[in-house]
Structures are given as structure tokens and as C-alpha cells.
C-alpha atoms as a PDB file:
ATOM      1  CA  UNK A   1      78.763 121.564  88.082  1.00  0.00           C
ATOM      2  CA  UNK A   2      78.453 118.357  90.106  1.00  0.00           C
ATOM      3  CA  UNK A   3      82.168 117.548  90.282  1.00  0.00           C
ATOM      4  CA  UNK A   4      85.271 119.682  90.727  1.00  0.00           C
ATOM      5  CA  UNK A   5      86.540 118.459  87.360  1.00  0.00           C
ATOM      6  CA  UNK A   6      86.023 115.720  84.777  1.00  0.00           C
ATOM      7  CA  UNK A   7      89.090 113.758  83.707  1.00  0.00           C
ATOM      8  CA  UNK A   8      89.517 110.585  81.677  1.00  0.00           C
ATOM      9  CA  UNK A   9      92.640 109.176  83.285  1.00  0.00           C
ATOM     10  CA  UNK A  10      94.377 108.645  86.610  1.00  0.00           C
ATOM     11  CA  UNK A  11      97.094 111.250  87.207  1.00  0.00           C
ATOM     12  CA  UNK A  12      98.284 109.676  90.456  1.00  0.00           C
ATOM     13  CA  UNK A  13     100.820 106.834  90.706  1.00  0.00           C
ATOM     14  CA  UNK A  14      99.813 103.182  90.946  1.00  0.00           C
ATOM     15  CA  UNK A  15      98.767 102.462  94.527  1.00  0.00           C
ATOM     16  CA  UNK A  16      98.617  98.669  94.589  1.00  0.00           C
ATOM     17  CA  UNK A  17      95.089  98.408  96.010  1.00  0.00           C
ATOM     18  CA  UNK A  18      93.509  95.898  93.656  1.00  0.00           C
ATOM     19  CA  UNK A  19      91.561  93.514  95.869  1.00  0.00           C
ATOM     20  CA  UNK A  20      88.326  94.035  97.755  1.00  0.00           C
ATOM     21  CA  UNK A  21      90.141  92.838 100.867  1.00  0.00           C
ATOM     22  CA  UNK A  22      92.654  95.676 100.646  1.00  0.00           C
ATOM     23  CA  UNK A  23      89.955  98.293 100.072  1.00  0.00           C
ATOM     24  CA  UNK A  24      87.817  96.919 102.915  1.00  0.00           C
ATOM     25  CA  UNK A  25      90.542  98.007 105.360  1.00  0.00           C
ATOM     26  CA  UNK A  26      90.008 101.645 104.354  1.00  0.00           C
ATOM     27  CA  UNK A  27      87.156 103.046 106.476  1.00  0.00           C
ATOM     28  CA  UNK A  28      84.398 104.835 104.551  1.00  0.00           C
ATOM     29  CA  UNK A  29      83.659 108.501 105.124  1.00  0.00           C
ATOM     30  CA  UNK A  30      81.634 111.214 103.472  1.00  0.00           C
ATOM     31  CA  UNK A  31      83.139 113.138 100.577  1.00  0.00           C
ATOM     32  CA  UNK A  32      81.557 116.167  98.943  1.00  0.00           C
ATOM     33  CA  UNK A  33      80.790 115.645  95.258  1.00  0.00           C
ATOM     34  CA  UNK A  34      82.057 119.152  94.492  1.00  0.00           C
ATOM     35  CA  UNK A  35      85.542 118.106  95.707  1.00  0.00           C
ATOM     36  CA  UNK A  36      85.808 115.092  93.397  1.00  0.00           C
ATOM     37  CA  UNK A  37      87.711 114.865  90.139  1.00  0.00           C
ATOM     38  CA  UNK A  38      86.524 111.931  88.076  1.00  0.00           C
ATOM     39  CA  UNK A  39      88.985 109.549  86.434  1.00  0.00           C
ATOM     40  CA  UNK A  40      86.420 108.470  83.827  1.00  0.00           C
ATOM     41  CA  UNK A  41      84.819 110.864  81.386  1.00  0.00           C
ATOM     42  CA  UNK A  42      82.000 108.509  80.396  1.00  0.00           C
ATOM     43  CA  UNK A  43      79.376 106.667  82.388  1.00  0.00           C
ATOM     44  CA  UNK A  44      77.840 103.337  81.491  1.00  0.00           C
ATOM     45  CA  UNK A  45      74.098 103.982  81.586  1.00  0.00           C
ATOM     46  CA  UNK A  46      73.425 100.343  82.478  1.00  0.00           C
ATOM     47  CA  UNK A  47      75.551 100.746  85.624  1.00  0.00           C
ATOM     48  CA  UNK A  48      73.704 103.904  86.570  1.00  0.00           C
ATOM     49  CA  UNK A  49      70.264 102.342  86.181  1.00  0.00           C
ATOM     50  CA  UNK A  50      71.009  98.847  87.521  1.00  0.00           C
ATOM     51  CA  UNK A  51      69.307  98.128  90.822  1.00  0.00           C
ATOM     52  CA  UNK A  52      71.978  95.584  91.790  1.00  0.00           C
ATOM     53  CA  UNK A  53      75.071  97.505  90.649  1.00  0.00           C
ATOM     54  CA  UNK A  54      76.708  97.082  94.054  1.00  0.00           C
ATOM     55  CA  UNK A  55      75.543  93.519  94.657  1.00  0.00           C
ATOM     56  CA  UNK A  56      78.880  91.978  93.667  1.00  0.00           C
ATOM     57  CA  UNK A  57      81.125  94.901  94.507  1.00  0.00           C
ATOM     58  CA  UNK A  58      81.933  97.317  97.273  1.00  0.00           C
ATOM     59  CA  UNK A  59      79.053  99.367  98.638  1.00  0.00           C
ATOM     60  CA  UNK A  60      81.306 102.419  98.755  1.00  0.00           C
ATOM     61  CA  UNK A  61      82.985 104.428  96.039  1.00  0.00           C
ATOM     62  CA  UNK A  62      86.799 104.367  95.908  1.00  0.00           C
ATOM     63  CA  UNK A  63      88.518 107.743  96.102  1.00  0.00           C
ATOM     64  CA  UNK A  64      92.224 108.534  95.931  1.00  0.00           C
ATOM     65  CA  UNK A  65      93.531 111.584  97.782  1.00  0.00           C
ATOM     66  CA  UNK A  66      96.744 112.765  96.141  1.00  0.00           C
ATOM     67  CA  UNK A  67      98.514 116.129  96.229  1.00  0.00           C
ATOM     68  CA  UNK A  68      95.541 117.935  97.730  1.00  0.00           C
ATOM     69  CA  UNK A  69      92.880 116.564  95.365  1.00  0.00           C
ATOM     70  CA  UNK A  70      90.242 113.835  95.590  1.00  0.00           C
ATOM     71  CA  UNK A  71      90.054 111.525  92.557  1.00  0.00           C
ATOM     72  CA  UNK A  72      87.006 109.307  92.082  1.00  0.00           C
ATOM     73  CA  UNK A  73      88.583 106.055  90.935  1.00  0.00           C
ATOM     74  CA  UNK A  74      85.578 103.742  91.178  1.00  0.00           C
ATOM     75  CA  UNK A  75      81.920 104.515  91.762  1.00  0.00           C
ATOM     76  CA  UNK A  76      81.050 107.167  89.200  1.00  0.00           C
ATOM     77  CA  UNK A  77      77.550 105.683  88.937  1.00  0.00           C
ATOM     78  CA  UNK A  78      77.128 106.018  92.730  1.00  0.00           C
ATOM     79  CA  UNK A  79      78.228 109.654  92.630  1.00  0.00           C
ATOM     80  CA  UNK A  80      75.868 110.513  89.767  1.00  0.00           C
ATOM     81  CA  UNK A  81      73.003 108.750  91.558  1.00  0.00           C
ATOM     82  CA  UNK A  82      73.721 110.786  94.688  1.00  0.00           C
ATOM     83  CA  UNK A  83      73.656 113.991  92.633  1.00  0.00           C
ATOM     84  CA  UNK A  84      70.390 113.018  90.931  1.00  0.00           C
ATOM     85  CA  UNK A  85      68.850 112.475  94.367  1.00  0.00           C
ATOM     86  CA  UNK A  86      69.912 115.948  95.415  1.00  0.00           C
ATOM     87  CA  UNK A  87      72.716 114.871  97.726  1.00  0.00           C
ATOM     88  CA  UNK A  88      75.910 116.875  97.865  1.00  0.00           C
ATOM     89  CA  UNK A  89      78.079 114.038  99.160  1.00  0.00           C
ATOM     90  CA  UNK A  90      78.540 110.281  99.121  1.00  0.00           C
ATOM     91  CA  UNK A  91      80.203 107.701 101.314  1.00  0.00           C
ATOM     92  CA  UNK A  92      83.531 106.555  99.943  1.00  0.00           C
ATOM     93  CA  UNK A  93      86.673 104.750 100.958  1.00  0.00           C
ATOM     94  CA  UNK A  94      89.412 107.378 100.678  1.00  0.00           C
ATOM     95  CA  UNK A  95      92.958 106.117 100.148  1.00  0.00           C
ATOM     96  CA  UNK A  96      95.459 108.843 101.033  1.00  0.00           C
ATOM     97  CA  UNK A  97      98.436 108.389  98.720  1.00  0.00           C
ATOM     98  CA  UNK A  98     100.227 111.333 100.323  1.00  0.00           C
ATOM     99  CA  UNK A  99     100.372 109.344 103.584  1.00  0.00           C
ATOM    100  CA  UNK A 100     101.448 106.145 101.818  1.00  0.00           C
ATOM    101  CA  UNK A 101     104.294 107.980 100.048  1.00  0.00           C
ATOM    102  CA  UNK A 102     105.654 109.249 103.377  1.00  0.00           C
ATOM    103  CA  UNK A 103     105.172 105.942 105.236  1.00  0.00           C
ATOM    104  CA  UNK A 104     108.274 103.814 105.900  1.00  0.00           C
ATOM    105  CA  UNK A 105     108.919 101.328 103.112  1.00  0.00           C
ATOM    106  CA  UNK A 106     108.271  97.902 104.631  1.00  0.00           C
ATOM    107  CA  UNK A 107     106.971  96.145 101.539  1.00  0.00           C
ATOM    108  CA  UNK A 108     103.356  96.213 102.740  1.00  0.00           C
ATOM    109  CA  UNK A 109     102.234  99.603 101.425  1.00  0.00           C
ATOM    110  CA  UNK A 110      99.346  97.930  99.593  1.00  0.00           C
ATOM    111  CA  UNK A 111      98.152  96.355 102.840  1.00  0.00           C
ATOM    112  CA  UNK A 112      98.210  99.427 105.073  1.00  0.00           C
ATOM    113  CA  UNK A 113      95.806 102.327 105.311  1.00  0.00           C
END
């Protein structure tokens, strides 16, 4: 199997990262595909095959780390492409919700990472 598990929903709480600006503050790193749990059970074939699928969006997948698991929130097409090319990992921005939950509440949780 390519991924750790296939899910069709987000089990983690709302994190407040909705803008590209917020996500851009999260540094990308490599994540093994076998560690990822998807949050979408279906893939849009047009997204997978589009040459410019990242032209208007982030170059990196968005992953949520929560309670010891990595959830692929955005970038399923990137992960499948990596697998089809024989890669075992991809570069992703990983938002650690465990750290955000333990951080002091200052009203800027969506801005830190």
C-alpha cells in the first residue's frame, strides 16, 4: 500500500490555517508516503494529470500531525505522482497540532508554527 491508511474525512480539530500566507510560514520537509493517512478517499484525475496543478497553489503538500499520525490534508495528487515515479516520500508543510494545542493561548495560534 502507498499510504498508511485511506480516510475520507479530517479527524483532527479545526486548525485555522486557511490562507497561503499562514501555510507559507510552515517550513517544508520530507514525509514518507507510508506514514500518511489521506483525508480524501477520491482523487480528481484532472488534478493528477494537469501539468500546472501547482501553478496557482502551494508547491508543497499540506500535512497535519495530530496525536502521533500524519494526515494529508492537501496535495493528494502530489503524493500519488510521487508514488507513480517510484518515490517513497514527498516534500510537505507539516503543521503540528499537538504543539499548537500545548502552546500558550495568545489569540494567534493560526499565525504561529
